[in-house]
Protein backbone atom coordinates (compact mmCIF):
# COMPACT_ATOMS: atom_id res chain seq x y z
CA MET A 1 -34.02 13.72 50.94
CA LEU A 2 -31.16 16.21 50.83
CA ARG A 3 -29.10 13.97 53.04
CA LYS A 4 -29.44 11.08 50.58
CA LEU A 5 -28.17 13.20 47.67
CA ASN A 6 -25.19 14.48 49.64
CA ASN A 7 -24.08 10.96 50.54
CA ARG A 8 -23.93 9.81 46.89
CA ARG A 9 -20.41 9.34 45.68
CA GLY A 10 -19.25 9.97 42.12
CA PHE A 11 -16.24 11.05 40.17
CA THR A 12 -14.89 14.53 40.55
CA LEU A 13 -14.20 16.73 37.58
CA ILE A 14 -10.45 16.41 38.18
CA GLU A 15 -10.64 12.60 38.07
CA LEU A 16 -12.56 12.70 34.80
CA MET A 17 -10.07 15.16 33.28
CA ILE A 18 -7.15 12.91 34.25
CA VAL A 19 -8.81 9.97 32.49
CA VAL A 20 -9.37 12.07 29.35
CA VAL A 21 -5.71 13.18 29.36
CA ILE A 22 -4.50 9.58 29.73
CA ILE A 23 -6.68 8.44 26.82
CA GLY A 24 -5.37 11.34 24.72
CA ILE A 25 -1.76 10.39 25.43
CA LEU A 26 -2.39 6.74 24.54
CA ALA A 27 -4.09 7.77 21.30
CA ALA A 28 -1.22 10.11 20.42
CA LEU A 29 1.20 7.20 20.79
CA ALA A 30 -0.89 4.57 19.01
CA ILE A 31 -2.17 6.40 15.92
CA PRO A 32 1.22 7.07 14.24
CA LYS A 33 2.25 3.43 14.74
CA PHE A 34 -1.06 2.29 13.28
CA MET A 35 -0.60 4.53 10.22
CA LYS A 36 2.88 3.12 9.62
CA VAL A 37 1.61 -0.47 9.76
CA THR A 38 -1.28 0.23 7.39
CA GLY A 39 1.13 1.89 4.95
CA LYS A 40 3.31 -1.23 4.94
CA ALA A 41 0.27 -3.41 4.25
CA LYS A 42 -0.73 -1.24 1.30
CA VAL A 43 2.79 -1.45 -0.17
CA ALA A 44 2.74 -5.24 0.32
CA GLU A 45 -0.26 -5.36 -2.04
CA ALA A 46 1.81 -3.76 -4.82
CA LYS A 47 4.77 -6.06 -4.19
CA THR A 48 2.56 -9.14 -4.48
CA ILE A 49 1.03 -7.97 -7.75
CA LEU A 50 4.44 -7.06 -9.23
CA LYS A 51 5.65 -10.58 -8.39
CA GLU A 52 2.55 -11.97 -10.12
CA ILE A 53 3.27 -9.86 -13.23
CA PHE A 54 6.91 -11.04 -13.15
CA THR A 55 5.82 -14.70 -13.06
CA LEU A 56 3.28 -14.24 -15.86
CA GLU A 57 5.77 -12.36 -18.05
CA LYS A 58 8.43 -15.05 -17.55
CA ALA A 59 5.95 -17.79 -18.45
CA HIS A 60 4.93 -15.87 -21.59
CA PHE A 61 8.58 -15.33 -22.52
CA ASN A 62 9.31 -19.06 -22.22
CA GLU A 63 6.56 -19.83 -24.73
CA HIS A 64 6.78 -16.87 -27.13
CA ASP A 65 10.32 -15.46 -26.74
CA ASN A 66 9.09 -11.96 -25.97
CA TYR A 67 7.61 -9.95 -23.14
CA VAL A 68 4.30 -8.12 -23.36
CA ALA A 69 3.87 -4.44 -22.51
CA PHE A 70 0.63 -2.98 -21.23
CA SER A 71 -0.36 0.49 -20.20
CA SER A 72 -1.27 1.84 -16.82
CA GLY A 73 -4.72 0.84 -15.63
CA ALA A 74 -5.18 -1.95 -18.17
CA SER A 75 -5.44 -5.70 -17.85
CA CYS A 76 -3.35 -7.86 -20.14
CA ASP A 77 -5.03 -10.92 -21.62
CA ALA A 78 -1.86 -11.99 -23.46
CA ILE A 79 -0.17 -12.95 -20.19
CA GLY A 80 -3.35 -13.58 -18.18
CA PHE A 81 -3.05 -10.54 -15.90
CA ASP A 82 -6.22 -9.01 -14.50
CA LEU A 83 -6.30 -5.86 -12.42
CA PRO A 84 -7.21 -6.36 -8.76
CA GLU A 85 -10.90 -6.05 -7.99
CA GLY A 86 -12.12 -2.99 -6.18
CA ASN A 87 -10.28 0.28 -5.71
CA SER A 88 -6.58 -0.31 -6.13
CA ARG A 89 -4.10 1.98 -4.43
CA PHE A 90 -1.66 1.53 -7.33
CA THR A 91 -1.67 1.60 -11.12
CA TYR A 92 0.31 -1.10 -12.88
CA GLN A 93 2.12 -0.99 -16.19
CA VAL A 94 4.80 -2.92 -18.05
CA THR A 95 7.25 -1.34 -20.48
CA CYS A 96 9.43 -3.34 -22.86
CA THR A 97 12.50 -2.60 -24.95
CA ASP A 98 12.11 -2.43 -28.72
CA SER A 99 13.11 -6.08 -29.08
CA SER A 100 10.78 -7.13 -26.22
CA ALA A 101 13.71 -8.96 -24.64
CA ASP A 102 13.58 -6.84 -21.48
CA PHE A 103 10.72 -5.51 -19.38
CA GLU A 104 10.09 -3.37 -16.35
CA ALA A 105 6.89 -3.70 -14.34
CA ARG A 106 5.95 -0.62 -12.35
CA ALA A 107 3.40 0.01 -9.60
CA THR A 108 2.74 3.73 -9.14
CA GLU A 109 0.77 5.17 -6.22
CA SER A 110 -2.71 6.37 -7.13
CA VAL A 111 -3.31 7.47 -3.51
CA ASP A 112 -0.84 8.41 -0.79
CA VAL A 113 -0.08 4.99 0.71
CA ASP A 114 3.01 5.80 2.74
CA GLY A 115 1.77 8.99 4.39
CA ASN A 116 4.41 11.30 2.91
CA GLY A 117 1.85 13.58 1.28
CA SER A 118 2.64 12.70 -2.35
CA THR A 119 1.46 10.18 -4.91
CA THR A 120 4.66 10.01 -6.93
CA GLY A 121 6.10 6.90 -5.29
CA TYR A 122 6.56 3.73 -7.29
CA LEU A 123 7.98 0.20 -7.09
CA THR A 124 9.61 -1.63 -10.00
CA MET A 125 10.67 -5.13 -10.96
CA ASP A 126 12.53 -6.12 -14.13
CA GLN A 127 12.95 -9.33 -16.13
CA ASP A 128 15.83 -10.47 -13.88
CA GLY A 129 13.85 -9.95 -10.68
CA ASN A 130 15.75 -6.78 -9.75
CA THR A 131 13.60 -4.51 -7.64
CA GLY A 132 13.57 -0.79 -7.07
CA GLY A 133 11.49 2.05 -5.79
CA ALA A 134 11.47 5.80 -5.40
CA ASN A 135 9.84 8.69 -3.57
CA GLY A 136 9.34 6.92 -0.28
CA LEU A 137 8.52 3.40 -1.47
CA THR A 138 11.07 0.61 -1.12
CA TRP A 139 11.16 -3.15 -1.23
């Protein structure tokens, strides 16, 4: 019986430790790249919604000769804008000049989407389609 147990082959502790180290190195390389890609996808959500707001505001302006402002976290029935369903990573608002001839749509981070540790980043788009961003977020 003892002879049968001694003839069994298995992995040594050193071999197992080498495998664990290799997996750790691969994870250390892959996780930062994954975080960067997910951050870009989250920012793409805001860009798409800002483009939607831009299109709706332009359509409203063509009919009514003014743009419509709405506050952060609100939908806007006047232009047909509804907030995205579920938990949004951004808050959206539109500000207009006194004459309502100009507008700026803004998407502000509500959670840290770009991994820089702050939620002060934002993206903007104005009535001419000019885009901007600050605090780590860019078009």
